[in-house]
């Protein structure tokens, strides 16, 4: 089986990274909304905030 090489442009890589961050934030938001443990909710809120900052930095770089 021969290995394929995929050449992506920088723009395609950035779009993929931005899309991935959006999906992660959405999933974490659902988890946060459905969690009943206050400590876990607090930690998830911090993680979501961090992910939103990363998403902004990716978008701003584009």
PDB file of N, CA and C in Angstrom:
ATOM      1  N   UNK A   1       0.841  -1.175   0.000  1.00  0.00           N
ATOM      2  CA  UNK A   1       0.000   0.000   0.000  1.00  0.00           C
ATOM      3  C   UNK A   1       0.887   1.239   0.000  1.00  0.00           C
ATOM      4  N   UNK A   2       0.648   2.122  -0.928  1.00  0.00           N
ATOM      5  CA  UNK A   2       1.459   3.313  -1.082  1.00  0.00           C
ATOM      6  C   UNK A   2       0.894   4.457  -0.240  1.00  0.00           C
ATOM      7  N   UNK A   3       1.793   5.174   0.425  1.00  0.00           N
ATOM      8  CA  UNK A   3       1.384   6.293   1.266  1.00  0.00           C
ATOM      9  C   UNK A   3       1.103   7.516   0.403  1.00  0.00           C
ATOM     10  N   UNK A   4      -0.026   8.182   0.690  1.00  0.00           N
ATOM     11  CA  UNK A   4      -0.393   9.391  -0.042  1.00  0.00           C
ATOM     12  C   UNK A   4       0.102  10.618   0.707  1.00  0.00           C
ATOM     13  N   UNK A   5       0.545  11.586  -0.030  1.00  0.00           N
ATOM     14  CA  UNK A   5       0.945  12.861   0.544  1.00  0.00           C
ATOM     15  C   UNK A   5      -0.133  13.886   0.217  1.00  0.00           C
ATOM     16  N   UNK A   6      -0.602  14.558   1.258  1.00  0.00           N
ATOM     17  CA  UNK A   6      -1.617  15.588   1.071  1.00  0.00           C
ATOM     18  C   UNK A   6      -0.954  16.936   1.331  1.00  0.00           C
ATOM     19  N   UNK A   7      -1.002  17.785   0.352  1.00  0.00           N
ATOM     20  CA  UNK A   7      -0.426  19.124   0.486  1.00  0.00           C
ATOM     21  C   UNK A   7      -1.547  20.124   0.728  1.00  0.00           C
ATOM     22  N   UNK A   8      -1.545  20.690   1.927  1.00  0.00           N
ATOM     23  CA  UNK A   8      -2.548  21.688   2.281  1.00  0.00           C
ATOM     24  C   UNK A   8      -1.900  23.066   2.307  1.00  0.00           C
ATOM     25  N   UNK A   9      -2.666  24.050   1.904  1.00  0.00           N
ATOM     26  CA  UNK A   9      -2.172  25.420   1.992  1.00  0.00           C
ATOM     27  C   UNK A   9      -2.254  25.885   3.444  1.00  0.00           C
ATOM     28  N   UNK A  10      -1.549  26.942   3.751  1.00  0.00           N
ATOM     29  CA  UNK A  10      -1.599  27.501   5.099  1.00  0.00           C
ATOM     30  C   UNK A  10      -3.028  27.921   5.449  1.00  0.00           C
ATOM     31  N   UNK A  11      -3.747  28.467   4.485  1.00  0.00           N
ATOM     32  CA  UNK A  11      -5.132  28.889   4.707  1.00  0.00           C
ATOM     33  C   UNK A  11      -6.016  27.689   5.035  1.00  0.00           C
ATOM     34  N   UNK A  12      -5.824  26.577   4.343  1.00  0.00           N
ATOM     35  CA  UNK A  12      -6.609  25.369   4.616  1.00  0.00           C
ATOM     36  C   UNK A  12      -6.308  24.823   6.007  1.00  0.00           C
ATOM     37  N   UNK A  13      -5.057  24.876   6.405  1.00  0.00           N
ATOM     38  CA  UNK A  13      -4.677  24.413   7.742  1.00  0.00           C
ATOM     39  C   UNK A  13      -5.312  25.301   8.805  1.00  0.00           C
ATOM     40  N   UNK A  14      -5.280  26.611   8.604  1.00  0.00           N
ATOM     41  CA  UNK A  14      -5.875  27.540   9.565  1.00  0.00           C
ATOM     42  C   UNK A  14      -7.392  27.358   9.634  1.00  0.00           C
ATOM     43  N   UNK A  15      -8.034  27.164   8.497  1.00  0.00           N
ATOM     44  CA  UNK A  15      -9.480  26.914   8.481  1.00  0.00           C
ATOM     45  C   UNK A  15      -9.819  25.639   9.237  1.00  0.00           C
ATOM     46  N   UNK A  16      -9.008  24.604   9.059  1.00  0.00           N
ATOM     47  CA  UNK A  16      -9.233  23.341   9.759  1.00  0.00           C
ATOM     48  C   UNK A  16      -9.057  23.523  11.266  1.00  0.00           C
ATOM     49  N   UNK A  17      -8.020  24.248  11.663  1.00  0.00           N
ATOM     50  CA  UNK A  17      -7.785  24.498  13.087  1.00  0.00           C
ATOM     51  C   UNK A  17      -8.932  25.294  13.698  1.00  0.00           C
ATOM     52  N   UNK A  18      -9.405  26.308  12.988  1.00  0.00           N
ATOM     53  CA  UNK A  18     -10.517  27.126  13.480  1.00  0.00           C
ATOM     54  C   UNK A  18     -11.787  26.291  13.611  1.00  0.00           C
ATOM     55  N   UNK A  19     -12.061  25.475  12.620  1.00  0.00           N
ATOM     56  CA  UNK A  19     -13.237  24.604  12.653  1.00  0.00           C
ATOM     57  C   UNK A  19     -13.154  23.617  13.816  1.00  0.00           C
ATOM     58  N   UNK A  20     -11.975  23.065  14.032  1.00  0.00           N
ATOM     59  CA  UNK A  20     -11.785  22.120  15.136  1.00  0.00           C
ATOM     60  C   UNK A  20     -12.032  22.790  16.481  1.00  0.00           C
ATOM     61  N   UNK A  21     -11.518  23.997  16.661  1.00  0.00           N
ATOM     62  CA  UNK A  21     -11.732  24.716  17.915  1.00  0.00           C
ATOM     63  C   UNK A  21     -13.216  24.998  18.139  1.00  0.00           C
ATOM     64  N   UNK A  22     -13.927  25.361  17.097  1.00  0.00           N
ATOM     65  CA  UNK A  22     -15.369  25.608  17.215  1.00  0.00           C
ATOM     66  C   UNK A  22     -16.103  24.346  17.656  1.00  0.00           C
ATOM     67  N   UNK A  23     -15.742  23.210  17.089  1.00  0.00           N
ATOM     68  CA  UNK A  23     -16.387  21.948  17.449  1.00  0.00           C
ATOM     69  C   UNK A  23     -16.086  21.572  18.896  1.00  0.00           C
ATOM     70  N   UNK A  24     -14.840  21.773  19.309  1.00  0.00           N
ATOM     71  CA  UNK A  24     -14.451  21.453  20.680  1.00  0.00           C
ATOM     72  C   UNK A  24     -15.211  22.334  21.668  1.00  0.00           C
ATOM     73  N   UNK A  25     -15.286  23.635  21.389  1.00  0.00           N
ATOM     74  CA  UNK A  25     -15.998  24.559  22.276  1.00  0.00           C
ATOM     75  C   UNK A  25     -17.467  24.173  22.382  1.00  0.00           C
ATOM     76  N   UNK A  26     -18.064  23.788  21.279  1.00  0.00           N
ATOM     77  CA  UNK A  26     -19.467  23.373  21.287  1.00  0.00           C
ATOM     78  C   UNK A  26     -19.668  22.133  22.155  1.00  0.00           C
ATOM     79  N   UNK A  27     -18.798  21.156  21.986  1.00  0.00           N
ATOM     80  CA  UNK A  27     -18.911  19.921  22.774  1.00  0.00           C
ATOM     81  C   UNK A  27     -18.692  20.200  24.257  1.00  0.00           C
ATOM     82  N   UNK A  28     -17.698  21.005  24.573  1.00  0.00           N
ATOM     83  CA  UNK A  28     -17.436  21.348  25.966  1.00  0.00           C
ATOM     84  C   UNK A  28     -18.601  22.133  26.564  1.00  0.00           C
ATOM     85  N   UNK A  29     -19.223  22.995  25.770  1.00  0.00           N
ATOM     86  CA  UNK A  29     -20.374  23.754  26.246  1.00  0.00           C
ATOM     87  C   UNK A  29     -21.539  22.850  26.610  1.00  0.00           C
ATOM     88  N   UNK A  30     -21.768  21.845  25.788  1.00  0.00           N
ATOM     89  CA  UNK A  30     -22.819  20.869  26.085  1.00  0.00           C
ATOM     90  C   UNK A  30     -22.499  20.125  27.371  1.00  0.00           C
ATOM     91  N   UNK A  31     -21.251  19.702  27.506  1.00  0.00           N
ATOM     92  CA  UNK A  31     -20.826  18.994  28.710  1.00  0.00           C
ATOM     93  C   UNK A  31     -21.012  19.873  29.941  1.00  0.00           C
ATOM     94  N   UNK A  32     -20.630  21.137  29.831  1.00  0.00           N
ATOM     95  CA  UNK A  32     -20.768  22.073  30.945  1.00  0.00           C
ATOM     96  C   UNK A  32     -22.231  22.231  31.346  1.00  0.00           C
ATOM     97  N   UNK A  33     -23.100  22.376  30.369  1.00  0.00           N
ATOM     98  CA  UNK A  33     -24.525  22.575  30.642  1.00  0.00           C
ATOM     99  C   UNK A  33     -25.159  21.363  31.314  1.00  0.00           C
ATOM    100  N   UNK A  34     -24.618  20.183  31.054  1.00  0.00           N
ATOM    101  CA  UNK A  34     -25.215  18.956  31.583  1.00  0.00           C
ATOM    102  C   UNK A  34     -24.525  18.439  32.843  1.00  0.00           C
ATOM    103  N   UNK A  35     -23.465  19.109  33.281  1.00  0.00           N
ATOM    104  CA  UNK A  35     -22.728  18.665  34.458  1.00  0.00           C
ATOM    105  C   UNK A  35     -23.407  19.163  35.731  1.00  0.00           C
ATOM    106  N   UNK A  36     -23.394  18.322  36.761  1.00  0.00           N
ATOM    107  CA  UNK A  36     -23.996  18.704  38.037  1.00  0.00           C
ATOM    108  C   UNK A  36     -22.955  18.957  39.125  1.00  0.00           C
ATOM    109  N   UNK A  37     -21.705  18.616  38.870  1.00  0.00           N
ATOM    110  CA  UNK A  37     -20.627  18.816  39.843  1.00  0.00           C
ATOM    111  C   UNK A  37     -20.068  20.232  39.690  1.00  0.00           C
ATOM    112  N   UNK A  38     -20.183  21.032  40.736  1.00  0.00           N
ATOM    113  CA  UNK A  38     -19.766  22.434  40.655  1.00  0.00           C
ATOM    114  C   UNK A  38     -18.276  22.585  40.362  1.00  0.00           C
ATOM    115  N   UNK A  39     -17.436  21.748  40.973  1.00  0.00           N
ATOM    116  CA  UNK A  39     -15.995  21.824  40.704  1.00  0.00           C
ATOM    117  C   UNK A  39     -15.691  21.513  39.244  1.00  0.00           C
ATOM    118  N   UNK A  40     -16.352  20.505  38.713  1.00  0.00           N
ATOM    119  CA  UNK A  40     -16.156  20.134  37.314  1.00  0.00           C
ATOM    120  C   UNK A  40     -16.657  21.241  36.395  1.00  0.00           C
ATOM    121  N   UNK A  41     -17.797  21.824  36.732  1.00  0.00           N
ATOM    122  CA  UNK A  41     -18.346  22.928  35.929  1.00  0.00           C
ATOM    123  C   UNK A  41     -17.371  24.106  35.896  1.00  0.00           C
ATOM    124  N   UNK A  42     -16.783  24.405  37.038  1.00  0.00           N
ATOM    125  CA  UNK A  42     -15.835  25.508  37.121  1.00  0.00           C
ATOM    126  C   UNK A  42     -14.607  25.251  36.244  1.00  0.00           C
ATOM    127  N   UNK A  43     -14.080  24.049  36.303  1.00  0.00           N
ATOM    128  CA  UNK A  43     -12.914  23.703  35.483  1.00  0.00           C
ATOM    129  C   UNK A  43     -13.254  23.717  33.995  1.00  0.00           C
ATOM    130  N   UNK A  44     -14.426  23.214  33.642  1.00  0.00           N
ATOM    131  CA  UNK A  44     -14.831  23.213  32.234  1.00  0.00           C
ATOM    132  C   UNK A  44     -15.006  24.644  31.727  1.00  0.00           C
ATOM    133  N   UNK A  45     -15.529  25.519  32.566  1.00  0.00           N
ATOM    134  CA  UNK A  45     -15.691  26.923  32.172  1.00  0.00           C
ATOM    135  C   UNK A  45     -14.326  27.554  31.896  1.00  0.00           C
ATOM    136  N   UNK A  46     -13.326  27.229  32.713  1.00  0.00           N
ATOM    137  CA  UNK A  46     -11.970  27.735  32.486  1.00  0.00           C
ATOM    138  C   UNK A  46     -11.408  27.202  31.169  1.00  0.00           C
ATOM    139  N   UNK A  47     -11.619  25.916  30.919  1.00  0.00           N
ATOM    140  CA  UNK A  47     -11.128  25.306  29.678  1.00  0.00           C
ATOM    141  C   UNK A  47     -11.800  25.948  28.471  1.00  0.00           C
ATOM    142  N   UNK A  48     -13.111  26.161  28.565  1.00  0.00           N
ATOM    143  CA  UNK A  48     -13.835  26.795  27.454  1.00  0.00           C
ATOM    144  C   UNK A  48     -13.286  28.195  27.203  1.00  0.00           C
ATOM    145  N   UNK A  49     -13.030  28.933  28.263  1.00  0.00           N
ATOM    146  CA  UNK A  49     -12.468  30.273  28.116  1.00  0.00           C
ATOM    147  C   UNK A  49     -11.106  30.217  27.414  1.00  0.00           C
ATOM    148  N   UNK A  50     -10.271  29.267  27.813  1.00  0.00           N
ATOM    149  CA  UNK A  50      -8.966  29.097  27.165  1.00  0.00           C
ATOM    150  C   UNK A  50      -9.128  28.747  25.687  1.00  0.00           C
ATOM    151  N   UNK A  51     -10.055  27.847  25.386  1.00  0.00           N
ATOM    152  CA  UNK A  51     -10.282  27.436  23.998  1.00  0.00           C
ATOM    153  C   UNK A  51     -10.810  28.600  23.166  1.00  0.00           C
ATOM    154  N   UNK A  52     -11.649  29.445  23.765  1.00  0.00           N
ATOM    155  CA  UNK A  52     -12.152  30.620  23.043  1.00  0.00           C
ATOM    156  C   UNK A  52     -11.018  31.580  22.718  1.00  0.00           C
ATOM    157  N   UNK A  53     -10.072  31.707  23.633  1.00  0.00           N
ATOM    158  CA  UNK A  53      -8.913  32.566  23.377  1.00  0.00           C
ATOM    159  C   UNK A  53      -8.077  31.996  22.229  1.00  0.00           C
ATOM    160  N   UNK A  54      -7.879  30.689  22.220  1.00  0.00           N
ATOM    161  CA  UNK A  54      -7.141  30.043  21.134  1.00  0.00           C
ATOM    162  C   UNK A  54      -7.870  30.244  19.814  1.00  0.00           C
ATOM    163  N   UNK A  55      -9.195  30.075  19.839  1.00  0.00           N
ATOM    164  CA  UNK A  55      -9.994  30.268  18.623  1.00  0.00           C
ATOM    165  C   UNK A  55      -9.821  31.694  18.105  1.00  0.00           C
ATOM    166  N   UNK A  56      -9.864  32.678  18.989  1.00  0.00           N
ATOM    167  CA  UNK A  56      -9.688  34.069  18.575  1.00  0.00           C
ATOM    168  C   UNK A  56      -8.302  34.291  17.969  1.00  0.00           C
ATOM    169  N   UNK A  57      -7.282  33.709  18.596  1.00  0.00           N
ATOM    170  CA  UNK A  57      -5.920  33.881  18.091  1.00  0.00           C
ATOM    171  C   UNK A  57      -5.765  33.269  16.700  1.00  0.00           C
ATOM    172  N   UNK A  58      -6.376  32.121  16.477  1.00  0.00           N
ATOM    173  CA  UNK A  58      -6.338  31.506  15.144  1.00  0.00           C
ATOM    174  C   UNK A  58      -7.034  32.421  14.148  1.00  0.00           C
ATOM    175  N   UNK A  59      -8.237  32.883  14.502  1.00  0.00           N
ATOM    176  CA  UNK A  59      -8.998  33.756  13.607  1.00  0.00           C
ATOM    177  C   UNK A  59      -8.228  35.045  13.316  1.00  0.00           C
ATOM    178  N   UNK A  60      -7.643  35.615  14.350  1.00  0.00           N
ATOM    179  CA  UNK A  60      -6.904  36.865  14.197  1.00  0.00           C
ATOM    180  C   UNK A  60      -5.667  36.680  13.313  1.00  0.00           C
ATOM    181  N   UNK A  61      -5.070  35.508  13.355  1.00  0.00           N
ATOM    182  CA  UNK A  61      -3.897  35.206  12.537  1.00  0.00           C
ATOM    183  C   UNK A  61      -4.266  35.059  11.068  1.00  0.00           C
ATOM    184  N   UNK A  62      -5.487  34.615  10.823  1.00  0.00           N
ATOM    185  CA  UNK A  62      -5.932  34.401   9.449  1.00  0.00           C
ATOM    186  C   UNK A  62      -6.023  35.726   8.727  1.00  0.00           C
TER     187      UNK A  62
END
